[in-house]
Amino acid sequence: MPNMITVDSTNIESVSYDPASLKFHVRFLESGKTYVFFGVEEERFQKFMQADSKGEYLNNEIKTHYRYEKVDPDSAPKRGIDT
């Protein structure tokens, strides 16, 4: 698991971004679950970090546009859309 940084959000606990692999990790506050989004451009990550509502930006601009998987060693990955 990459080093996560805490963000100011009522829904998201922390995130990490790797510009080399274009992987964006997001850990949620209530569930503690982490998801990795694939192919996220650095510009998109920067816009997420600057967004007033990080949860809204994640839902509208990332979750619907990028493939993702749940990071959980105890279960099979949950896959999202593949664009």
N, C-alpha and C. Protein backbone atom coordinates (compact mmCIF):
# COMPACT_ATOMS: atom_id res chain seq x y z
N MET A 1 0.85 -1.18 0.00
CA MET A 1 0.00 0.00 0.00
C MET A 1 0.89 1.24 0.00
N PRO A 2 0.60 2.19 -0.89
CA PRO A 2 1.40 3.42 -0.92
C PRO A 2 1.14 4.28 0.31
N ASN A 3 2.04 5.25 0.53
CA ASN A 3 1.84 6.21 1.62
C ASN A 3 0.65 7.09 1.29
N MET A 4 -0.29 7.15 2.22
CA MET A 4 -1.51 7.91 2.03
C MET A 4 -1.39 9.27 2.71
N ILE A 5 -2.01 10.29 2.12
CA ILE A 5 -2.04 11.61 2.73
C ILE A 5 -3.49 11.94 3.09
N THR A 6 -3.67 12.52 4.25
CA THR A 6 -5.00 12.89 4.73
C THR A 6 -5.52 14.07 3.93
N VAL A 7 -6.82 14.03 3.61
CA VAL A 7 -7.44 15.14 2.89
C VAL A 7 -8.61 15.70 3.71
N ASP A 8 -8.95 16.93 3.42
CA ASP A 8 -10.07 17.60 4.09
C ASP A 8 -11.36 17.21 3.38
N SER A 9 -12.06 16.22 3.93
CA SER A 9 -13.28 15.71 3.32
C SER A 9 -14.14 15.06 4.38
N THR A 10 -15.44 15.10 4.19
CA THR A 10 -16.34 14.43 5.12
C THR A 10 -16.55 12.97 4.74
N ASN A 11 -16.06 12.57 3.57
CA ASN A 11 -16.26 11.22 3.07
C ASN A 11 -14.97 10.44 2.85
N ILE A 12 -13.91 11.15 2.50
CA ILE A 12 -12.64 10.52 2.14
C ILE A 12 -11.61 10.77 3.23
N GLU A 13 -10.98 9.70 3.69
CA GLU A 13 -9.97 9.82 4.75
C GLU A 13 -8.62 10.25 4.19
N SER A 14 -8.15 9.52 3.16
CA SER A 14 -6.82 9.78 2.64
C SER A 14 -6.70 9.29 1.21
N VAL A 15 -5.66 9.78 0.52
CA VAL A 15 -5.41 9.43 -0.87
C VAL A 15 -3.92 9.28 -1.11
N SER A 16 -3.59 8.65 -2.22
CA SER A 16 -2.22 8.66 -2.72
C SER A 16 -2.28 8.65 -4.24
N TYR A 17 -1.23 9.18 -4.85
CA TYR A 17 -1.18 9.22 -6.31
C TYR A 17 0.24 8.89 -6.76
N ASP A 18 0.35 8.02 -7.76
CA ASP A 18 1.64 7.67 -8.34
C ASP A 18 1.63 8.09 -9.81
N PRO A 19 2.34 9.18 -10.15
CA PRO A 19 2.32 9.65 -11.54
C PRO A 19 2.99 8.69 -12.52
N ALA A 20 3.88 7.85 -12.04
CA ALA A 20 4.54 6.89 -12.93
C ALA A 20 3.57 5.81 -13.41
N SER A 21 2.73 5.31 -12.51
CA SER A 21 1.79 4.24 -12.86
C SER A 21 0.38 4.77 -13.12
N LEU A 22 0.14 6.06 -12.83
CA LEU A 22 -1.17 6.70 -12.96
C LEU A 22 -2.22 6.04 -12.06
N LYS A 23 -1.77 5.53 -10.90
CA LYS A 23 -2.67 4.91 -9.93
C LYS A 23 -3.04 5.92 -8.84
N PHE A 24 -4.33 5.98 -8.56
CA PHE A 24 -4.88 6.90 -7.57
C PHE A 24 -5.62 6.06 -6.53
N HIS A 25 -5.09 6.04 -5.30
CA HIS A 25 -5.70 5.29 -4.20
C HIS A 25 -6.57 6.22 -3.35
N VAL A 26 -7.73 5.73 -2.96
CA VAL A 26 -8.66 6.50 -2.13
C VAL A 26 -9.14 5.62 -0.99
N ARG A 27 -9.00 6.10 0.26
CA ARG A 27 -9.51 5.40 1.44
C ARG A 27 -10.66 6.22 2.02
N PHE A 28 -11.79 5.53 2.26
CA PHE A 28 -12.99 6.20 2.74
C PHE A 28 -13.05 6.20 4.27
N LEU A 29 -13.66 7.26 4.82
CA LEU A 29 -13.73 7.45 6.27
C LEU A 29 -14.54 6.37 6.98
N GLU A 30 -15.81 6.24 6.65
CA GLU A 30 -16.69 5.35 7.41
C GLU A 30 -16.32 3.88 7.28
N SER A 31 -16.11 3.43 6.06
CA SER A 31 -15.85 2.01 5.83
C SER A 31 -14.39 1.64 6.04
N GLY A 32 -13.49 2.59 5.86
CA GLY A 32 -12.07 2.31 5.92
C GLY A 32 -11.56 1.56 4.70
N LYS A 33 -12.43 1.35 3.71
CA LYS A 33 -12.05 0.61 2.51
C LYS A 33 -11.27 1.50 1.57
N THR A 34 -10.34 0.86 0.85
CA THR A 34 -9.50 1.57 -0.09
C THR A 34 -9.76 1.04 -1.50
N TYR A 35 -9.81 1.96 -2.45
CA TYR A 35 -9.97 1.62 -3.86
C TYR A 35 -8.82 2.22 -4.64
N VAL A 36 -8.41 1.54 -5.71
CA VAL A 36 -7.39 2.07 -6.60
C VAL A 36 -8.03 2.31 -7.96
N PHE A 37 -7.81 3.51 -8.49
CA PHE A 37 -8.31 3.92 -9.80
C PHE A 37 -7.12 3.91 -10.75
N PHE A 38 -7.32 3.38 -11.96
CA PHE A 38 -6.24 3.19 -12.92
C PHE A 38 -6.31 4.21 -14.06
N GLY A 39 -5.14 4.68 -14.48
CA GLY A 39 -5.05 5.58 -15.63
C GLY A 39 -5.43 7.01 -15.35
N VAL A 40 -5.39 7.42 -14.09
CA VAL A 40 -5.78 8.79 -13.71
C VAL A 40 -4.61 9.74 -14.00
N GLU A 41 -4.85 10.69 -14.89
CA GLU A 41 -3.82 11.65 -15.25
C GLU A 41 -3.51 12.58 -14.08
N GLU A 42 -2.29 13.08 -14.05
CA GLU A 42 -1.88 13.96 -12.95
C GLU A 42 -2.74 15.21 -12.88
N GLU A 43 -3.13 15.75 -14.02
CA GLU A 43 -3.99 16.95 -14.04
C GLU A 43 -5.32 16.65 -13.33
N ARG A 44 -5.87 15.47 -13.57
CA ARG A 44 -7.14 15.08 -12.93
C ARG A 44 -6.94 14.96 -11.42
N PHE A 45 -5.82 14.36 -11.00
CA PHE A 45 -5.53 14.26 -9.57
C PHE A 45 -5.40 15.64 -8.93
N GLN A 46 -4.71 16.56 -9.60
CA GLN A 46 -4.55 17.91 -9.06
C GLN A 46 -5.90 18.62 -8.93
N LYS A 47 -6.78 18.42 -9.90
CA LYS A 47 -8.12 19.02 -9.82
C LYS A 47 -8.90 18.42 -8.65
N PHE A 48 -8.73 17.12 -8.41
CA PHE A 48 -9.36 16.48 -7.25
C PHE A 48 -8.86 17.15 -5.97
N MET A 49 -7.55 17.33 -5.84
CA MET A 49 -6.98 17.90 -4.63
C MET A 49 -7.44 19.34 -4.41
N GLN A 50 -7.76 20.06 -5.47
CA GLN A 50 -8.20 21.45 -5.35
C GLN A 50 -9.72 21.58 -5.22
N ALA A 51 -10.44 20.50 -5.40
CA ALA A 51 -11.90 20.55 -5.38
C ALA A 51 -12.43 20.92 -4.00
N ASP A 52 -13.47 21.74 -3.96
CA ASP A 52 -14.11 22.09 -2.70
C ASP A 52 -14.75 20.86 -2.07
N SER A 53 -15.37 20.03 -2.90
CA SER A 53 -15.96 18.78 -2.42
C SER A 53 -15.25 17.62 -3.11
N LYS A 54 -14.33 17.01 -2.37
CA LYS A 54 -13.57 15.91 -2.94
C LYS A 54 -14.44 14.68 -3.24
N GLY A 55 -15.42 14.43 -2.40
CA GLY A 55 -16.32 13.31 -2.64
C GLY A 55 -17.15 13.51 -3.90
N GLU A 56 -17.64 14.71 -4.09
CA GLU A 56 -18.42 15.03 -5.29
C GLU A 56 -17.55 14.92 -6.54
N TYR A 57 -16.33 15.44 -6.47
CA TYR A 57 -15.42 15.37 -7.61
C TYR A 57 -15.08 13.91 -7.93
N LEU A 58 -14.81 13.13 -6.90
CA LEU A 58 -14.51 11.71 -7.10
C LEU A 58 -15.68 11.02 -7.80
N ASN A 59 -16.89 11.24 -7.32
CA ASN A 59 -18.07 10.59 -7.90
C ASN A 59 -18.35 11.03 -9.33
N ASN A 60 -18.20 12.31 -9.62
CA ASN A 60 -18.57 12.85 -10.93
C ASN A 60 -17.47 12.81 -11.98
N GLU A 61 -16.22 12.93 -11.56
CA GLU A 61 -15.13 13.08 -12.53
C GLU A 61 -14.14 11.92 -12.57
N ILE A 62 -14.17 11.06 -11.56
CA ILE A 62 -13.19 9.96 -11.53
C ILE A 62 -13.89 8.61 -11.56
N LYS A 63 -14.78 8.39 -10.63
CA LYS A 63 -15.42 7.07 -10.50
C LYS A 63 -16.15 6.64 -11.77
N THR A 64 -16.75 7.57 -12.47
CA THR A 64 -17.51 7.24 -13.68
C THR A 64 -16.65 7.15 -14.94
N HIS A 65 -15.36 7.51 -14.84
CA HIS A 65 -14.50 7.56 -16.03
C HIS A 65 -13.31 6.62 -16.00
N TYR A 66 -13.01 6.04 -14.86
CA TYR A 66 -11.80 5.22 -14.73
C TYR A 66 -12.13 3.85 -14.14
N ARG A 67 -11.40 2.86 -14.60
CA ARG A 67 -11.53 1.52 -14.03
C ARG A 67 -10.97 1.56 -12.62
N TYR A 68 -11.60 0.80 -11.72
CA TYR A 68 -11.12 0.76 -10.34
C TYR A 68 -11.35 -0.61 -9.73
N GLU A 69 -10.61 -0.86 -8.65
CA GLU A 69 -10.73 -2.11 -7.89
C GLU A 69 -10.67 -1.80 -6.41
N LYS A 70 -11.40 -2.58 -5.67
CA LYS A 70 -11.32 -2.50 -4.20
C LYS A 70 -10.03 -3.17 -3.76
N VAL A 71 -9.31 -2.51 -2.87
CA VAL A 71 -8.07 -3.07 -2.33
C VAL A 71 -8.42 -3.73 -1.01
N ASP A 72 -8.50 -5.05 -1.02
CA ASP A 72 -8.88 -5.80 0.17
C ASP A 72 -8.28 -7.20 0.09
N PRO A 73 -7.27 -7.50 0.89
CA PRO A 73 -6.60 -8.80 0.80
C PRO A 73 -7.49 -9.97 1.21
N ASP A 74 -8.61 -9.72 1.87
CA ASP A 74 -9.47 -10.78 2.36
C ASP A 74 -10.56 -11.19 1.38
N SER A 75 -10.68 -10.46 0.26
CA SER A 75 -11.72 -10.81 -0.70
C SER A 75 -11.23 -10.53 -2.12
N ALA A 76 -11.95 -11.05 -3.09
CA ALA A 76 -11.62 -10.79 -4.48
C ALA A 76 -11.88 -9.32 -4.80
N PRO A 77 -11.10 -8.74 -5.73
CA PRO A 77 -11.31 -7.34 -6.08
C PRO A 77 -12.71 -7.09 -6.64
N LYS A 78 -13.26 -5.95 -6.25
CA LYS A 78 -14.53 -5.50 -6.81
C LYS A 78 -14.16 -4.55 -7.95
N ARG A 79 -14.61 -4.86 -9.14
CA ARG A 79 -14.22 -4.07 -10.30
C ARG A 79 -15.28 -3.05 -10.69
N GLY A 80 -14.80 -1.89 -11.13
CA GLY A 80 -15.70 -0.84 -11.60
C GLY A 80 -15.68 -0.78 -13.12
N ILE A 81 -16.08 0.33 -13.66
CA ILE A 81 -16.18 0.47 -15.10
C ILE A 81 -14.81 0.40 -15.75
N ASP A 82 -14.80 0.05 -17.01
CA ASP A 82 -13.57 -0.03 -17.77
C ASP A 82 -13.74 0.80 -19.03
N THR A 83 -13.13 2.00 -19.03
CA THR A 83 -13.27 2.87 -20.19
C THR A 83 -11.98 3.02 -20.90
